[in-house]
């Protein structure tokens, strides 16, 4: 990442962000339906009803949580792609950003995988749209690197790379971050190469 503003894992130092982060941790451990507003309030040191000053309820909190990270990932991708000197550098930057997200925000990965179905339909469509746009940033870069490879194959490879990188909640603690980052980067590059070279 070239700038802090482009990072999908940047911190937002305010009470609303603190609530979102605490809720993500709780949802990841106990599930959306296993966490009450009172639990979230206790995690940030306020009464449960005080949460309603920031969010209308758990549905709204979950929706904003997943909309926010989907938007930040997409903005991050746009920023690194437009600032890169070419597609190879852009791919490395996309990988670095996704790896940073995977290692630094495992709770959000778990919540998205498990709880997207609990997001109201309108917000769920917005999340899916942002995610499609994020994928297409990757596909565009890969298409520049591998113009003979069909877009559908590049799209499938992109989703496979996400699956690989976003498995980090299951491997947390196995290796320190400074070892996991290059390992994940090398494995993701190998996965892309396998997809395009076997075509």
C-alpha atoms as a PDB file:
ATOM      1  CA  UNK A   1       0.000   0.000   0.000  1.00  0.00           C
ATOM      2  CA  UNK A   2       1.343   3.388  -0.893  1.00  0.00           C
ATOM      3  CA  UNK A   3      -0.758   5.544   1.400  1.00  0.00           C
ATOM      4  CA  UNK A   4      -2.489   5.032   4.710  1.00  0.00           C
ATOM      5  CA  UNK A   5      -5.712   6.419   3.241  1.00  0.00           C
ATOM      6  CA  UNK A   6      -5.833   3.558   0.759  1.00  0.00           C
ATOM      7  CA  UNK A   7      -5.628   0.857   3.419  1.00  0.00           C
ATOM      8  CA  UNK A   8      -8.764  -1.249   3.864  1.00  0.00           C
ATOM      9  CA  UNK A   9      -7.712  -1.835   7.479  1.00  0.00           C
ATOM     10  CA  UNK A  10      -7.215   1.782   8.525  1.00  0.00           C
ATOM     11  CA  UNK A  11      -8.570   2.662  11.952  1.00  0.00           C
ATOM     12  CA  UNK A  12     -11.373   5.129  12.519  1.00  0.00           C
ATOM     13  CA  UNK A  13     -10.862   6.485  16.042  1.00  0.00           C
ATOM     14  CA  UNK A  14     -14.417   7.209  17.212  1.00  0.00           C
ATOM     15  CA  UNK A  15     -17.099   5.571  19.314  1.00  0.00           C
ATOM     16  CA  UNK A  16     -19.098   4.385  16.293  1.00  0.00           C
ATOM     17  CA  UNK A  17     -16.057   2.579  14.916  1.00  0.00           C
ATOM     18  CA  UNK A  18     -15.285   1.166  18.357  1.00  0.00           C
ATOM     19  CA  UNK A  19     -18.800  -0.310  18.491  1.00  0.00           C
ATOM     20  CA  UNK A  20     -18.431  -1.829  15.016  1.00  0.00           C
ATOM     21  CA  UNK A  21     -15.107  -3.422  15.895  1.00  0.00           C
ATOM     22  CA  UNK A  22     -16.383  -4.822  19.192  1.00  0.00           C
ATOM     23  CA  UNK A  23     -19.503  -6.182  17.499  1.00  0.00           C
ATOM     24  CA  UNK A  24     -17.398  -7.851  14.794  1.00  0.00           C
ATOM     25  CA  UNK A  25     -15.341  -9.655  17.423  1.00  0.00           C
ATOM     26  CA  UNK A  26     -18.455 -10.787  19.297  1.00  0.00           C
ATOM     27  CA  UNK A  27     -20.324 -11.872  16.156  1.00  0.00           C
ATOM     28  CA  UNK A  28     -17.281 -13.843  15.006  1.00  0.00           C
ATOM     29  CA  UNK A  29     -17.101 -15.784  18.275  1.00  0.00           C
ATOM     30  CA  UNK A  30     -20.768 -16.188  19.202  1.00  0.00           C
ATOM     31  CA  UNK A  31     -22.716 -15.548  16.013  1.00  0.00           C
ATOM     32  CA  UNK A  32     -25.094 -12.710  15.183  1.00  0.00           C
ATOM     33  CA  UNK A  33     -28.015 -14.253  17.036  1.00  0.00           C
ATOM     34  CA  UNK A  34     -25.874 -15.127  20.054  1.00  0.00           C
ATOM     35  CA  UNK A  35     -24.972 -11.504  20.769  1.00  0.00           C
ATOM     36  CA  UNK A  36     -27.288  -8.922  22.319  1.00  0.00           C
ATOM     37  CA  UNK A  37     -27.162  -5.136  22.179  1.00  0.00           C
ATOM     38  CA  UNK A  38     -26.319  -5.283  25.896  1.00  0.00           C
ATOM     39  CA  UNK A  39     -23.319  -7.521  25.117  1.00  0.00           C
ATOM     40  CA  UNK A  40     -22.042  -5.032  22.560  1.00  0.00           C
ATOM     41  CA  UNK A  41     -22.529  -2.132  24.961  1.00  0.00           C
ATOM     42  CA  UNK A  42     -20.635  -3.975  27.690  1.00  0.00           C
ATOM     43  CA  UNK A  43     -17.747  -4.623  25.294  1.00  0.00           C
ATOM     44  CA  UNK A  44     -17.265  -0.880  24.741  1.00  0.00           C
ATOM     45  CA  UNK A  45     -18.077   0.195  28.286  1.00  0.00           C
ATOM     46  CA  UNK A  46     -21.541   1.662  27.802  1.00  0.00           C
ATOM     47  CA  UNK A  47     -25.074   0.540  28.557  1.00  0.00           C
ATOM     48  CA  UNK A  48     -26.907  -1.454  25.906  1.00  0.00           C
ATOM     49  CA  UNK A  49     -29.439   1.315  25.181  1.00  0.00           C
ATOM     50  CA  UNK A  50     -26.576   3.750  24.526  1.00  0.00           C
ATOM     51  CA  UNK A  51     -25.807   1.744  21.368  1.00  0.00           C
ATOM     52  CA  UNK A  52     -29.094   3.012  19.923  1.00  0.00           C
ATOM     53  CA  UNK A  53     -27.632   6.527  19.794  1.00  0.00           C
ATOM     54  CA  UNK A  54     -25.380   5.197  17.027  1.00  0.00           C
ATOM     55  CA  UNK A  55     -27.350   2.358  15.411  1.00  0.00           C
ATOM     56  CA  UNK A  56     -31.055   1.616  15.152  1.00  0.00           C
ATOM     57  CA  UNK A  57     -30.435  -2.041  16.034  1.00  0.00           C
ATOM     58  CA  UNK A  58     -28.292  -5.093  15.411  1.00  0.00           C
ATOM     59  CA  UNK A  59     -29.421  -5.384  11.775  1.00  0.00           C
ATOM     60  CA  UNK A  60     -28.280  -1.837  11.064  1.00  0.00           C
ATOM     61  CA  UNK A  61     -24.998  -2.452  12.874  1.00  0.00           C
ATOM     62  CA  UNK A  62     -24.273  -5.606  10.881  1.00  0.00           C
ATOM     63  CA  UNK A  63     -25.238  -3.900   7.620  1.00  0.00           C
ATOM     64  CA  UNK A  64     -22.925  -0.967   8.216  1.00  0.00           C
ATOM     65  CA  UNK A  65     -20.107  -3.270   9.296  1.00  0.00           C
ATOM     66  CA  UNK A  66     -20.176  -5.249   6.042  1.00  0.00           C
ATOM     67  CA  UNK A  67     -20.971  -2.272   3.803  1.00  0.00           C
ATOM     68  CA  UNK A  68     -18.065  -0.373   5.320  1.00  0.00           C
ATOM     69  CA  UNK A  69     -15.440  -3.058   4.766  1.00  0.00           C
ATOM     70  CA  UNK A  70     -16.743  -3.853   1.264  1.00  0.00           C
ATOM     71  CA  UNK A  71     -16.529  -0.161   0.374  1.00  0.00           C
ATOM     72  CA  UNK A  72     -13.052   0.232   1.860  1.00  0.00           C
ATOM     73  CA  UNK A  73     -11.714  -2.815   0.028  1.00  0.00           C
ATOM     74  CA  UNK A  74     -13.053  -1.521  -3.262  1.00  0.00           C
ATOM     75  CA  UNK A  75     -11.663   2.003  -2.629  1.00  0.00           C
ATOM     76  CA  UNK A  76      -8.325   0.468  -1.671  1.00  0.00           C
ATOM     77  CA  UNK A  77      -8.205  -1.500  -4.928  1.00  0.00           C
ATOM     78  CA  UNK A  78      -8.992   1.568  -7.018  1.00  0.00           C
ATOM     79  CA  UNK A  79      -6.299   3.560  -5.203  1.00  0.00           C
ATOM     80  CA  UNK A  80      -3.528   1.001  -5.632  1.00  0.00           C
ATOM     81  CA  UNK A  81      -4.390   0.215  -9.250  1.00  0.00           C
ATOM     82  CA  UNK A  82      -4.459   3.872 -10.305  1.00  0.00           C
ATOM     83  CA  UNK A  83      -1.177   4.647  -8.515  1.00  0.00           C
ATOM     84  CA  UNK A  84       0.725   1.589  -9.799  1.00  0.00           C
ATOM     85  CA  UNK A  85       3.253   1.958 -12.601  1.00  0.00           C
ATOM     86  CA  UNK A  86       1.926  -1.109 -14.392  1.00  0.00           C
ATOM     87  CA  UNK A  87      -0.173  -4.268 -13.980  1.00  0.00           C
ATOM     88  CA  UNK A  88       2.568  -6.314 -12.272  1.00  0.00           C
ATOM     89  CA  UNK A  89       3.004  -3.677  -9.592  1.00  0.00           C
ATOM     90  CA  UNK A  90      -0.773  -3.331  -9.321  1.00  0.00           C
ATOM     91  CA  UNK A  91      -1.186  -7.067  -8.723  1.00  0.00           C
ATOM     92  CA  UNK A  92       1.470  -7.056  -6.017  1.00  0.00           C
ATOM     93  CA  UNK A  93      -0.257  -4.092  -4.354  1.00  0.00           C
ATOM     94  CA  UNK A  94      -3.674  -5.767  -4.550  1.00  0.00           C
ATOM     95  CA  UNK A  95      -2.232  -8.908  -2.992  1.00  0.00           C
ATOM     96  CA  UNK A  96      -0.518  -6.924  -0.230  1.00  0.00           C
ATOM     97  CA  UNK A  97      -3.744  -5.084   0.588  1.00  0.00           C
ATOM     98  CA  UNK A  98      -5.857  -8.246   0.660  1.00  0.00           C
ATOM     99  CA  UNK A  99      -3.261 -10.032   2.799  1.00  0.00           C
ATOM    100  CA  UNK A 100      -3.175  -7.094   5.232  1.00  0.00           C
ATOM    101  CA  UNK A 101      -6.965  -7.254   5.498  1.00  0.00           C
ATOM    102  CA  UNK A 102      -6.948 -11.031   5.958  1.00  0.00           C
ATOM    103  CA  UNK A 103      -4.337 -10.923   8.718  1.00  0.00           C
ATOM    104  CA  UNK A 104      -5.592  -7.816  10.508  1.00  0.00           C
ATOM    105  CA  UNK A 105      -9.371  -8.307  10.283  1.00  0.00           C
ATOM    106  CA  UNK A 106     -10.104 -12.031  10.679  1.00  0.00           C
ATOM    107  CA  UNK A 107     -13.300 -11.296  12.623  1.00  0.00           C
ATOM    108  CA  UNK A 108     -14.762  -9.426   9.646  1.00  0.00           C
ATOM    109  CA  UNK A 109     -13.981 -12.357   7.357  1.00  0.00           C
ATOM    110  CA  UNK A 110     -15.765 -14.733   9.712  1.00  0.00           C
ATOM    111  CA  UNK A 111     -18.755 -12.417  10.114  1.00  0.00           C
ATOM    112  CA  UNK A 112     -19.126 -11.951   6.375  1.00  0.00           C
ATOM    113  CA  UNK A 113     -18.944 -15.682   5.690  1.00  0.00           C
ATOM    114  CA  UNK A 114     -21.469 -16.574   8.370  1.00  0.00           C
ATOM    115  CA  UNK A 115     -23.785 -13.607   8.679  1.00  0.00           C
ATOM    116  CA  UNK A 116     -24.322 -11.966   5.272  1.00  0.00           C
ATOM    117  CA  UNK A 117     -27.705 -13.691   5.108  1.00  0.00           C
ATOM    118  CA  UNK A 118     -28.799 -11.725   8.186  1.00  0.00           C
ATOM    119  CA  UNK A 119     -28.278  -8.399   6.412  1.00  0.00           C
ATOM    120  CA  UNK A 120     -31.514  -6.859   5.062  1.00  0.00           C
ATOM    121  CA  UNK A 121     -31.977  -7.452   1.343  1.00  0.00           C
ATOM    122  CA  UNK A 122     -31.401  -3.876   0.140  1.00  0.00           C
ATOM    123  CA  UNK A 123     -28.088  -3.566   1.997  1.00  0.00           C
ATOM    124  CA  UNK A 124     -27.108  -7.094   1.007  1.00  0.00           C
ATOM    125  CA  UNK A 125     -27.487  -6.124  -2.661  1.00  0.00           C
ATOM    126  CA  UNK A 126     -25.256  -3.086  -2.067  1.00  0.00           C
ATOM    127  CA  UNK A 127     -22.605  -5.255  -0.419  1.00  0.00           C
ATOM    128  CA  UNK A 128     -22.689  -7.734  -3.303  1.00  0.00           C
ATOM    129  CA  UNK A 129     -22.382  -4.902  -5.831  1.00  0.00           C
ATOM    130  CA  UNK A 130     -19.319  -3.468  -4.054  1.00  0.00           C
ATOM    131  CA  UNK A 131     -17.777  -6.915  -3.944  1.00  0.00           C
ATOM    132  CA  UNK A 132     -18.348  -7.436  -7.679  1.00  0.00           C
ATOM    133  CA  UNK A 133     -16.670  -4.102  -8.381  1.00  0.00           C
ATOM    134  CA  UNK A 134     -13.747  -5.135  -6.186  1.00  0.00           C
ATOM    135  CA  UNK A 135     -13.364  -8.399  -8.078  1.00  0.00           C
ATOM    136  CA  UNK A 136     -13.433  -6.561 -11.399  1.00  0.00           C
ATOM    137  CA  UNK A 137     -10.496  -4.391 -10.334  1.00  0.00           C
ATOM    138  CA  UNK A 138      -8.495  -7.601  -9.970  1.00  0.00           C
ATOM    139  CA  UNK A 139      -9.795  -9.049 -13.223  1.00  0.00           C
ATOM    140  CA  UNK A 140      -8.827  -5.891 -15.115  1.00  0.00           C
ATOM    141  CA  UNK A 141      -5.267  -6.079 -13.793  1.00  0.00           C
ATOM    142  CA  UNK A 142      -4.984  -9.803 -14.513  1.00  0.00           C
ATOM    143  CA  UNK A 143      -6.331  -9.277 -18.023  1.00  0.00           C
ATOM    144  CA  UNK A 144      -3.537  -6.790 -18.712  1.00  0.00           C
ATOM    145  CA  UNK A 145      -0.990  -9.339 -17.515  1.00  0.00           C
ATOM    146  CA  UNK A 146      -2.609 -12.298 -19.307  1.00  0.00           C
ATOM    147  CA  UNK A 147      -4.595 -10.958 -22.281  1.00  0.00           C
ATOM    148  CA  UNK A 148      -5.082 -14.414 -23.827  1.00  0.00           C
ATOM    149  CA  UNK A 149      -6.800 -15.775 -20.730  1.00  0.00           C
ATOM    150  CA  UNK A 150     -10.628 -15.581 -20.748  1.00  0.00           C
ATOM    151  CA  UNK A 151     -12.157 -13.126 -18.300  1.00  0.00           C
ATOM    152  CA  UNK A 152     -14.291 -15.861 -16.743  1.00  0.00           C
ATOM    153  CA  UNK A 153     -11.164 -17.840 -15.898  1.00  0.00           C
ATOM    154  CA  UNK A 154      -9.471 -14.765 -14.428  1.00  0.00           C
ATOM    155  CA  UNK A 155     -12.585 -14.073 -12.361  1.00  0.00           C
ATOM    156  CA  UNK A 156     -12.626 -17.655 -11.079  1.00  0.00           C
ATOM    157  CA  UNK A 157      -8.927 -17.386 -10.231  1.00  0.00           C
ATOM    158  CA  UNK A 158      -9.569 -14.157  -8.328  1.00  0.00           C
ATOM    159  CA  UNK A 159     -12.260 -15.800  -6.204  1.00  0.00           C
ATOM    160  CA  UNK A 160      -9.943 -18.745  -5.565  1.00  0.00           C
ATOM    161  CA  UNK A 161      -7.191 -16.388  -4.385  1.00  0.00           C
ATOM    162  CA  UNK A 162      -9.663 -14.715  -2.029  1.00  0.00           C
ATOM    163  CA  UNK A 163     -10.571 -18.121  -0.649  1.00  0.00           C
ATOM    164  CA  UNK A 164      -6.909 -18.884  -0.048  1.00  0.00           C
ATOM    165  CA  UNK A 165      -6.086 -15.567   1.602  1.00  0.00           C
ATOM    166  CA  UNK A 166      -9.300 -15.343   3.601  1.00  0.00           C
ATOM    167  CA  UNK A 167      -8.648 -18.709   5.231  1.00  0.00           C
ATOM    168  CA  UNK A 168      -6.477 -16.882   7.787  1.00  0.00           C
ATOM    169  CA  UNK A 169      -9.062 -17.075  10.620  1.00  0.00           C
ATOM    170  CA  UNK A 170      -8.373 -20.831  10.591  1.00  0.00           C
ATOM    171  CA  UNK A 171      -4.583 -20.452  10.674  1.00  0.00           C
ATOM    172  CA  UNK A 172      -4.305 -17.595  13.173  1.00  0.00           C
ATOM    173  CA  UNK A 173      -1.308 -18.038  15.436  1.00  0.00           C
ATOM    174  CA  UNK A 174       0.366 -20.712  13.336  1.00  0.00           C
ATOM    175  CA  UNK A 175       3.025 -18.279  12.116  1.00  0.00           C
ATOM    176  CA  UNK A 176       3.878 -14.685  13.016  1.00  0.00           C
ATOM    177  CA  UNK A 177       2.586 -12.058  10.588  1.00  0.00           C
ATOM    178  CA  UNK A 178       6.048 -11.299   9.212  1.00  0.00           C
ATOM    179  CA  UNK A 179       6.247 -14.922   8.046  1.00  0.00           C
ATOM    180  CA  UNK A 180       2.620 -15.274   6.971  1.00  0.00           C
ATOM    181  CA  UNK A 181       2.643 -12.253   4.661  1.00  0.00           C
ATOM    182  CA  UNK A 182       5.335 -13.507   2.256  1.00  0.00           C
ATOM    183  CA  UNK A 183       3.974 -17.050   2.462  1.00  0.00           C
ATOM    184  CA  UNK A 184       0.465 -15.946   1.502  1.00  0.00           C
ATOM    185  CA  UNK A 185       1.825 -13.659  -1.215  1.00  0.00           C
ATOM    186  CA  UNK A 186       3.862 -16.456  -2.785  1.00  0.00           C
ATOM    187  CA  UNK A 187       0.983 -18.919  -2.606  1.00  0.00           C
ATOM    188  CA  UNK A 188      -1.448 -16.430  -4.147  1.00  0.00           C
ATOM    189  CA  UNK A 189       0.947 -15.643  -6.994  1.00  0.00           C
ATOM    190  CA  UNK A 190       1.378 -19.387  -7.593  1.00  0.00           C
ATOM    191  CA  UNK A 191      -2.402 -19.851  -7.650  1.00  0.00           C
ATOM    192  CA  UNK A 192      -2.798 -17.132 -10.273  1.00  0.00           C
ATOM    193  CA  UNK A 193       0.026 -18.599 -12.352  1.00  0.00           C
ATOM    194  CA  UNK A 194      -1.539 -22.051 -12.191  1.00  0.00           C
ATOM    195  CA  UNK A 195      -4.874 -20.682 -13.386  1.00  0.00           C
ATOM    196  CA  UNK A 196      -3.484 -18.829 -16.378  1.00  0.00           C
ATOM    197  CA  UNK A 197      -0.752 -21.282 -17.368  1.00  0.00           C
ATOM    198  CA  UNK A 198      -3.068 -24.276 -17.432  1.00  0.00           C
ATOM    199  CA  UNK A 199      -5.338 -22.495 -19.907  1.00  0.00           C
END
